[in-house]
């Protein structure tokens, strides 16, 4: 047989498969990824907004503590801490549950969800009497550091559902 007589041609290979357009499975994965990112961003935004009063209260507590270190007036600090705690708790709990509480009932409510009963110790109990004491009196029996620590712990720990 004559090789020149046969009409042979080179092999024709198919074109390589391109990456575009994407297969439907990739579109589904991309859509799931975008939806997942949007959901996580929404949850983060919601948590950020929910915790805004707590962040504000902790900043205010730092300011109150700095003002106390400058002026050393425990009665004013007691009033300010009591008001800050009440406002901070009203941001997260129903008004009917918080607004009317006084005395030991208020301290017991503040201790709910805490790892230790900070407000039933001597430092936390001074929250009840400190705002009403004589500003020129003796405050050697009051632990201001423990009171500020108790308030800081209550403001930093989220409230648990009580119902």
Protein backbone atom coordinates (compact mmCIF):
# COMPACT_ATOMS: atom_id res chain seq x y z
CA UNK A 1 0.00 0.00 0.00
CA UNK A 2 1.10 3.39 -0.87
CA UNK A 3 1.29 5.74 2.13
CA UNK A 4 0.89 8.78 -0.04
CA UNK A 5 -2.36 7.51 -1.43
CA UNK A 6 -4.23 7.41 1.88
CA UNK A 7 -5.92 10.73 2.81
CA UNK A 8 -4.93 10.76 6.51
CA UNK A 9 -5.07 13.91 8.61
CA UNK A 10 -3.74 14.79 12.08
CA UNK A 11 -5.84 13.95 15.11
CA UNK A 12 -8.41 16.61 15.97
CA UNK A 13 -8.51 17.06 19.78
CA UNK A 14 -11.52 18.76 21.37
CA UNK A 15 -11.08 22.21 22.82
CA UNK A 16 -10.21 22.35 26.51
CA UNK A 17 -13.11 22.89 28.82
CA UNK A 18 -13.17 26.53 30.01
CA UNK A 19 -14.06 27.69 33.47
CA UNK A 20 -16.76 30.03 32.19
CA UNK A 21 -19.72 29.69 32.24
CA UNK A 22 -19.84 28.05 35.61
CA UNK A 23 -21.68 24.84 36.15
CA UNK A 24 -25.00 25.08 38.04
CA UNK A 25 -23.48 23.45 41.14
CA UNK A 26 -20.98 26.29 41.46
CA UNK A 27 -23.78 28.86 41.21
CA UNK A 28 -25.60 27.07 44.03
CA UNK A 29 -22.45 27.10 46.18
CA UNK A 30 -21.87 30.79 45.50
CA UNK A 31 -25.49 31.60 46.36
CA UNK A 32 -25.24 29.60 49.62
CA UNK A 33 -22.01 31.39 50.51
CA UNK A 34 -23.52 34.84 49.89
CA UNK A 35 -26.65 33.96 51.87
CA UNK A 36 -24.51 32.62 54.72
CA UNK A 37 -22.37 35.77 54.80
CA UNK A 38 -25.48 37.97 54.75
CA UNK A 39 -27.00 35.97 57.63
CA UNK A 40 -23.82 36.23 59.71
CA UNK A 41 -23.61 39.98 59.06
CA UNK A 42 -27.25 40.37 60.10
CA UNK A 43 -26.68 38.39 63.32
CA UNK A 44 -23.53 40.38 64.13
CA UNK A 45 -25.36 43.68 63.51
CA UNK A 46 -28.26 42.58 65.69
CA UNK A 47 -25.92 41.56 68.54
CA UNK A 48 -23.99 44.82 68.19
CA UNK A 49 -27.18 46.88 68.48
CA UNK A 50 -28.47 44.74 71.38
CA UNK A 51 -25.25 45.28 73.34
CA UNK A 52 -25.07 49.04 72.69
CA UNK A 53 -26.66 49.99 76.07
CA UNK A 54 -24.22 47.69 77.87
CA UNK A 55 -21.23 49.26 76.13
CA UNK A 56 -22.54 52.74 76.91
CA UNK A 57 -23.11 51.86 80.57
CA UNK A 58 -19.59 50.46 80.91
CA UNK A 59 -18.14 53.65 79.40
CA UNK A 60 -20.23 55.71 81.82
CA UNK A 61 -19.01 53.56 84.70
CA UNK A 62 -15.42 54.29 83.73
CA UNK A 63 -16.21 58.01 83.69
CA UNK A 64 -17.90 57.82 87.09
CA UNK A 65 -14.96 55.93 88.51
CA UNK A 66 -12.51 58.53 87.16
CA UNK A 67 -14.64 61.35 88.59
CA UNK A 68 -14.68 59.60 91.97
CA UNK A 69 -10.90 59.24 91.96
CA UNK A 70 -10.65 62.96 91.30
CA UNK A 71 -13.23 64.24 93.83
CA UNK A 72 -13.43 61.37 96.38
CA UNK A 73 -17.13 61.87 97.11
CA UNK A 74 -18.62 58.42 97.87
CA UNK A 75 -22.19 59.70 98.32
CA UNK A 76 -22.26 61.19 94.82
CA UNK A 77 -20.70 58.02 93.45
CA UNK A 78 -23.36 55.91 95.19
CA UNK A 79 -26.15 57.99 93.66
CA UNK A 80 -24.59 57.84 90.21
CA UNK A 81 -23.97 54.09 90.40
CA UNK A 82 -27.51 53.44 91.54
CA UNK A 83 -28.92 55.50 88.67
CA UNK A 84 -26.58 53.89 86.14
CA UNK A 85 -27.54 50.39 87.27
CA UNK A 86 -31.24 51.17 87.11
CA UNK A 87 -30.97 52.67 83.61
CA UNK A 88 -28.75 49.85 82.42
CA UNK A 89 -31.12 47.16 83.64
CA UNK A 90 -34.17 48.94 82.23
CA UNK A 91 -32.53 48.68 78.80
CA UNK A 92 -32.74 44.87 78.95
CA UNK A 93 -35.56 43.96 81.32
CA UNK A 94 -39.23 44.90 81.28
CA UNK A 95 -40.01 48.10 83.13
CA UNK A 96 -42.63 46.36 85.27
CA UNK A 97 -39.99 43.91 86.55
CA UNK A 98 -37.30 46.46 87.40
CA UNK A 99 -38.70 49.92 88.07
CA UNK A 100 -40.52 49.14 91.31
CA UNK A 101 -37.81 47.09 92.99
CA UNK A 102 -36.13 48.51 96.10
CA UNK A 103 -34.01 47.26 98.97
CA UNK A 104 -33.13 43.59 99.18
CA UNK A 105 -35.51 42.72 96.35
CA UNK A 106 -33.48 45.01 94.04
CA UNK A 107 -30.22 43.42 95.17
CA UNK A 108 -31.65 39.92 94.68
CA UNK A 109 -32.80 40.86 91.20
CA UNK A 110 -29.34 42.25 90.39
CA UNK A 111 -27.77 38.96 91.52
CA UNK A 112 -29.87 36.87 89.10
CA UNK A 113 -27.69 35.21 86.48
CA UNK A 114 -24.45 36.18 88.20
CA UNK A 115 -21.85 33.53 89.02
CA UNK A 116 -21.59 34.87 92.60
CA UNK A 117 -24.04 37.00 94.60
CA UNK A 118 -22.02 40.22 94.30
CA UNK A 119 -24.81 42.43 95.62
CA UNK A 120 -25.44 40.41 98.76
CA UNK A 121 -21.87 40.98 99.93
CA UNK A 122 -20.87 44.02 101.96
CA UNK A 123 -19.58 45.85 98.88
CA UNK A 124 -22.80 45.39 96.93
CA UNK A 125 -25.11 46.06 99.90
CA UNK A 126 -23.60 49.51 100.26
CA UNK A 127 -25.50 50.43 97.08
CA UNK A 128 -28.64 50.70 99.24
CA UNK A 129 -27.25 52.98 101.95
CA UNK A 130 -24.44 54.94 100.32
CA UNK A 131 -26.59 57.50 98.44
CA UNK A 132 -28.38 58.47 101.67
CA UNK A 133 -25.40 58.90 103.97
CA UNK A 134 -23.99 62.16 105.27
CA UNK A 135 -21.36 63.38 102.76
CA UNK A 136 -19.14 64.60 105.62
CA UNK A 137 -19.39 61.33 107.55
CA UNK A 138 -16.94 58.48 107.98
CA UNK A 139 -16.84 56.02 105.07
CA UNK A 140 -14.21 53.66 106.43
CA UNK A 141 -16.80 50.86 106.61
CA UNK A 142 -17.67 51.16 102.89
CA UNK A 143 -15.70 49.28 100.26
CA UNK A 144 -16.03 51.48 97.19
CA UNK A 145 -13.83 49.19 95.08
CA UNK A 146 -16.07 46.20 95.76
CA UNK A 147 -19.17 48.24 94.91
CA UNK A 148 -17.70 49.43 91.61
CA UNK A 149 -16.59 45.87 90.81
CA UNK A 150 -20.07 44.53 91.53
CA UNK A 151 -21.64 47.16 89.28
CA UNK A 152 -19.10 46.42 86.54
CA UNK A 153 -19.83 42.69 86.75
CA UNK A 154 -23.60 43.25 86.59
CA UNK A 155 -23.26 45.54 83.58
CA UNK A 156 -20.91 43.21 81.72
CA UNK A 157 -22.80 39.95 82.23
CA UNK A 158 -25.91 39.68 80.01
CA UNK A 159 -29.22 39.15 81.71
CA UNK A 160 -30.63 35.64 81.63
CA UNK A 161 -34.25 34.99 80.76
CA UNK A 162 -36.16 34.78 84.04
CA UNK A 163 -39.50 33.59 82.67
